[in-house]
C-alpha atoms as a PDB file:
ATOM      1  CA  MET A   1       0.000   0.000   0.000  1.00  0.00           C
ATOM      2  CA  ALA A   2       1.223   3.481  -0.821  1.00  0.00           C
ATOM      3  CA  ARG A   3      -0.043   6.872   0.212  1.00  0.00           C
ATOM      4  CA  VAL A   4       0.200   9.696  -2.307  1.00  0.00           C
ATOM      5  CA  VAL A   5      -0.168  13.244  -1.016  1.00  0.00           C
ATOM      6  CA  VAL A   6      -0.782  16.074  -3.465  1.00  0.00           C
ATOM      7  CA  ASP A   7      -0.461  19.603  -2.074  1.00  0.00           C
ATOM      8  CA  VAL A   8      -1.997  22.287  -4.274  1.00  0.00           C
ATOM      9  CA  MET A   9      -1.151  25.959  -3.735  1.00  0.00           C
ATOM     10  CA  LEU A  10      -1.888  29.156  -5.587  1.00  0.00           C
ATOM     11  CA  LYS A  11       1.048  30.352  -7.668  1.00  0.00           C
ATOM     12  CA  PRO A  12       3.050  33.084  -5.881  1.00  0.00           C
ATOM     13  CA  GLU A  13       1.889  35.784  -8.306  1.00  0.00           C
ATOM     14  CA  ILE A  14      -1.805  35.007  -7.716  1.00  0.00           C
ATOM     15  CA  LEU A  15      -3.572  37.054  -5.040  1.00  0.00           C
ATOM     16  CA  ASP A  16      -4.747  34.989  -2.060  1.00  0.00           C
ATOM     17  CA  PRO A  17      -7.616  36.788  -0.273  1.00  0.00           C
ATOM     18  CA  GLN A  18      -8.196  33.891   2.156  1.00  0.00           C
ATOM     19  CA  GLY A  19      -4.524  33.871   3.115  1.00  0.00           C
ATOM     20  CA  ARG A  20      -4.625  37.651   3.629  1.00  0.00           C
ATOM     21  CA  ALA A  21      -7.699  37.312   5.846  1.00  0.00           C
ATOM     22  CA  VAL A  22      -5.959  34.684   7.983  1.00  0.00           C
ATOM     23  CA  GLN A  23      -2.826  36.845   8.154  1.00  0.00           C
ATOM     24  CA  GLY A  24      -4.907  39.755   9.450  1.00  0.00           C
ATOM     25  CA  ALA A  25      -6.681  37.548  11.978  1.00  0.00           C
ATOM     26  CA  LEU A  26      -3.371  36.215  13.301  1.00  0.00           C
ATOM     27  CA  GLY A  27      -2.238  39.766  13.990  1.00  0.00           C
ATOM     28  CA  ARG A  28      -5.492  40.588  15.745  1.00  0.00           C
ATOM     29  CA  ILE A  29      -5.150  37.607  18.087  1.00  0.00           C
ATOM     30  CA  GLY A  30      -1.613  38.583  19.036  1.00  0.00           C
ATOM     31  CA  LEU A  31       0.718  36.616  16.753  1.00  0.00           C
ATOM     32  CA  THR A  32       3.261  39.142  15.547  1.00  0.00           C
ATOM     33  CA  GLY A  33       5.834  38.875  12.799  1.00  0.00           C
ATOM     34  CA  VAL A  34       3.649  37.004  10.303  1.00  0.00           C
ATOM     35  CA  VAL A  35       4.961  38.069   6.914  1.00  0.00           C
ATOM     36  CA  ASP A  36       2.620  36.078   4.653  1.00  0.00           C
ATOM     37  CA  VAL A  37      -0.032  33.352   4.726  1.00  0.00           C
ATOM     38  CA  ARG A  38      -1.034  31.292   1.692  1.00  0.00           C
ATOM     39  CA  GLN A  39      -3.927  28.856   1.700  1.00  0.00           C
ATOM     40  CA  GLY A  40      -4.035  25.619  -0.258  1.00  0.00           C
ATOM     41  CA  LYS A  41      -5.605  22.207  -0.423  1.00  0.00           C
ATOM     42  CA  GLN A  42      -4.338  18.689   0.088  1.00  0.00           C
ATOM     43  CA  PHE A  43      -5.418  15.404  -1.496  1.00  0.00           C
ATOM     44  CA  VAL A  44      -4.454  12.105   0.145  1.00  0.00           C
ATOM     45  CA  ILE A  45      -4.758   9.093  -2.165  1.00  0.00           C
ATOM     46  CA  ASP A  46      -4.203   5.567  -0.841  1.00  0.00           C
ATOM     47  CA  ILE A  47      -3.234   3.082  -3.535  1.00  0.00           C
ATOM     48  CA  ASP A  48      -3.236  -0.684  -3.184  1.00  0.00           C
ATOM     49  CA  GLY A  49      -0.222  -2.099  -4.966  1.00  0.00           C
ATOM     50  CA  GLU A  50       3.085  -0.798  -6.180  1.00  0.00           C
ATOM     51  CA  ILE A  51       3.832   2.668  -7.490  1.00  0.00           C
ATOM     52  CA  ASP A  52       5.894   2.110 -10.631  1.00  0.00           C
ATOM     53  CA  ASP A  53       6.912   4.717 -13.203  1.00  0.00           C
ATOM     54  CA  ASP A  54       3.670   4.324 -15.179  1.00  0.00           C
ATOM     55  CA  VAL A  55       1.480   4.811 -12.103  1.00  0.00           C
ATOM     56  CA  LEU A  56       3.602   7.767 -10.989  1.00  0.00           C
ATOM     57  CA  ALA A  57       3.249   9.369 -14.424  1.00  0.00           C
ATOM     58  CA  GLN A  58      -0.514   8.818 -14.304  1.00  0.00           C
ATOM     59  CA  LEU A  59      -0.669  10.382 -10.827  1.00  0.00           C
ATOM     60  CA  HIS A  60       1.230  13.446 -12.058  1.00  0.00           C
ATOM     61  CA  GLU A  61      -1.177  13.736 -14.989  1.00  0.00           C
ATOM     62  CA  ILE A  62      -4.158  13.555 -12.615  1.00  0.00           C
ATOM     63  CA  ALA A  63      -2.620  16.095 -10.243  1.00  0.00           C
ATOM     64  CA  ALA A  64      -1.777  18.498 -13.060  1.00  0.00           C
ATOM     65  CA  ASN A  65      -5.113  18.310 -14.874  1.00  0.00           C
ATOM     66  CA  LEU A  66      -7.763  17.324 -12.328  1.00  0.00           C
ATOM     67  CA  LEU A  67      -6.634  18.258  -8.829  1.00  0.00           C
ATOM     68  CA  CYS A  68      -5.227  21.675  -9.661  1.00  0.00           C
ATOM     69  CA  ASN A  69      -5.915  24.488 -12.063  1.00  0.00           C
ATOM     70  CA  PRO A  70      -2.543  24.837 -13.840  1.00  0.00           C
ATOM     71  CA  VAL A  71      -3.271  28.443 -14.799  1.00  0.00           C
ATOM     72  CA  ILE A  72      -3.300  29.655 -11.180  1.00  0.00           C
ATOM     73  CA  GLU A  73      -2.018  26.737  -9.065  1.00  0.00           C
ATOM     74  CA  ASN A  74       1.077  24.585  -8.604  1.00  0.00           C
ATOM     75  CA  TYR A  75       1.224  21.182  -6.973  1.00  0.00           C
ATOM     76  CA  GLU A  76       3.789  19.050  -5.196  1.00  0.00           C
ATOM     77  CA  MET A  77       3.420  15.312  -4.835  1.00  0.00           C
ATOM     78  CA  SER A  78       4.947  12.978  -2.296  1.00  0.00           C
ATOM     79  CA  VAL A  79       4.681   9.203  -2.211  1.00  0.00           C
ATOM     80  CA  ASP A  80       5.051   7.264   1.029  1.00  0.00           C
ATOM     81  CA  VAL A  81       5.740   3.597   0.323  1.00  0.00           C
ATOM     82  CA  THR A  82       6.582   2.579   3.892  1.00  0.00           C
ATOM     83  CA  GLY A  83       3.239   0.862   4.332  1.00  0.00           C
ATOM     84  CA  GLY A  84       4.080  -1.953   1.928  1.00  0.00           C
ATOM     85  CA  ALA A  85       6.655  -3.356  -0.425  1.00  0.00           C
ATOM     86  CA  THR A  86       9.068  -0.874  -1.912  1.00  0.00           C
ATOM     87  CA  PRO A  87       8.606  -0.529  -5.684  1.00  0.00           C
ATOM     88  CA  ALA A  88      11.581  -1.310  -7.866  1.00  0.00           C
ATOM     89  CA  GLY A  89      13.857   1.667  -8.244  1.00  0.00           C
ATOM     90  CA  GLU A  90      12.357   3.514  -5.268  1.00  0.00           C
ATOM     91  CA  HIS A  91      13.625   3.922  -1.741  1.00  0.00           C
ATOM     92  CA  GLN A  92      11.513   3.011   1.227  1.00  0.00           C
ATOM     93  CA  GLY A  93      10.206   6.139   2.910  1.00  0.00           C
ATOM     94  CA  THR A  94       8.926   9.339   1.430  1.00  0.00           C
ATOM     95  CA  PHE A  95       9.635  10.221  -2.169  1.00  0.00           C
ATOM     96  CA  VAL A  96       8.896  13.814  -3.097  1.00  0.00           C
ATOM     97  CA  GLY A  97       7.945  14.109  -6.715  1.00  0.00           C
ATOM     98  CA  ALA A  98       8.425  17.021  -9.046  1.00  0.00           C
ATOM     99  CA  SER A  99       6.303  20.109  -8.757  1.00  0.00           C
ATOM    100  CA  SER A 100       3.884  21.048 -11.505  1.00  0.00           C
ATOM    101  CA  ASP A 101       6.339  23.647 -12.871  1.00  0.00           C
ATOM    102  CA  ALA A 102       9.054  21.008 -13.265  1.00  0.00           C
ATOM    103  CA  VAL A 103       6.658  18.574 -14.943  1.00  0.00           C
ATOM    104  CA  ALA A 104       5.396  21.269 -17.335  1.00  0.00           C
ATOM    105  CA  HIS A 105       8.984  22.204 -18.220  1.00  0.00           C
ATOM    106  CA  ALA A 106       9.890  18.542 -18.836  1.00  0.00           C
ATOM    107  CA  ASN A 107       6.783  18.055 -21.007  1.00  0.00           C
ATOM    108  CA  GLU A 108       7.696  21.032 -23.221  1.00  0.00           C
ATOM    109  CA  GLY A 109      10.444  18.974 -24.839  1.00  0.00           C
ATOM    110  CA  GLN A 110       8.043  16.118 -25.617  1.00  0.00           C
ATOM    111  CA  GLN A 111       5.578  18.205 -27.604  1.00  0.00           C
END
């Protein structure tokens, strides 16, 4: 069994009104020194079986096109394979995959 975690965040250049509201609230309740707050979302996907290169590629495709809006959001993916057998070519523990910017850059050469 593997657990895939996809963190989706607004791109740095995109305004984040919810993050700004939280930043203001933190100041009002006495937490000083907060420079910035950004909100995001997280998807946790449990997969039965091994995570090979094909499955990992499919997960990146899903993250890039379904879980995030690539116009305004980036994602980062991590895969924890400690719950089961370690897939070939992977290390047991947490594997942090490429961000959406890195995947988009890599895909530019394939088109």
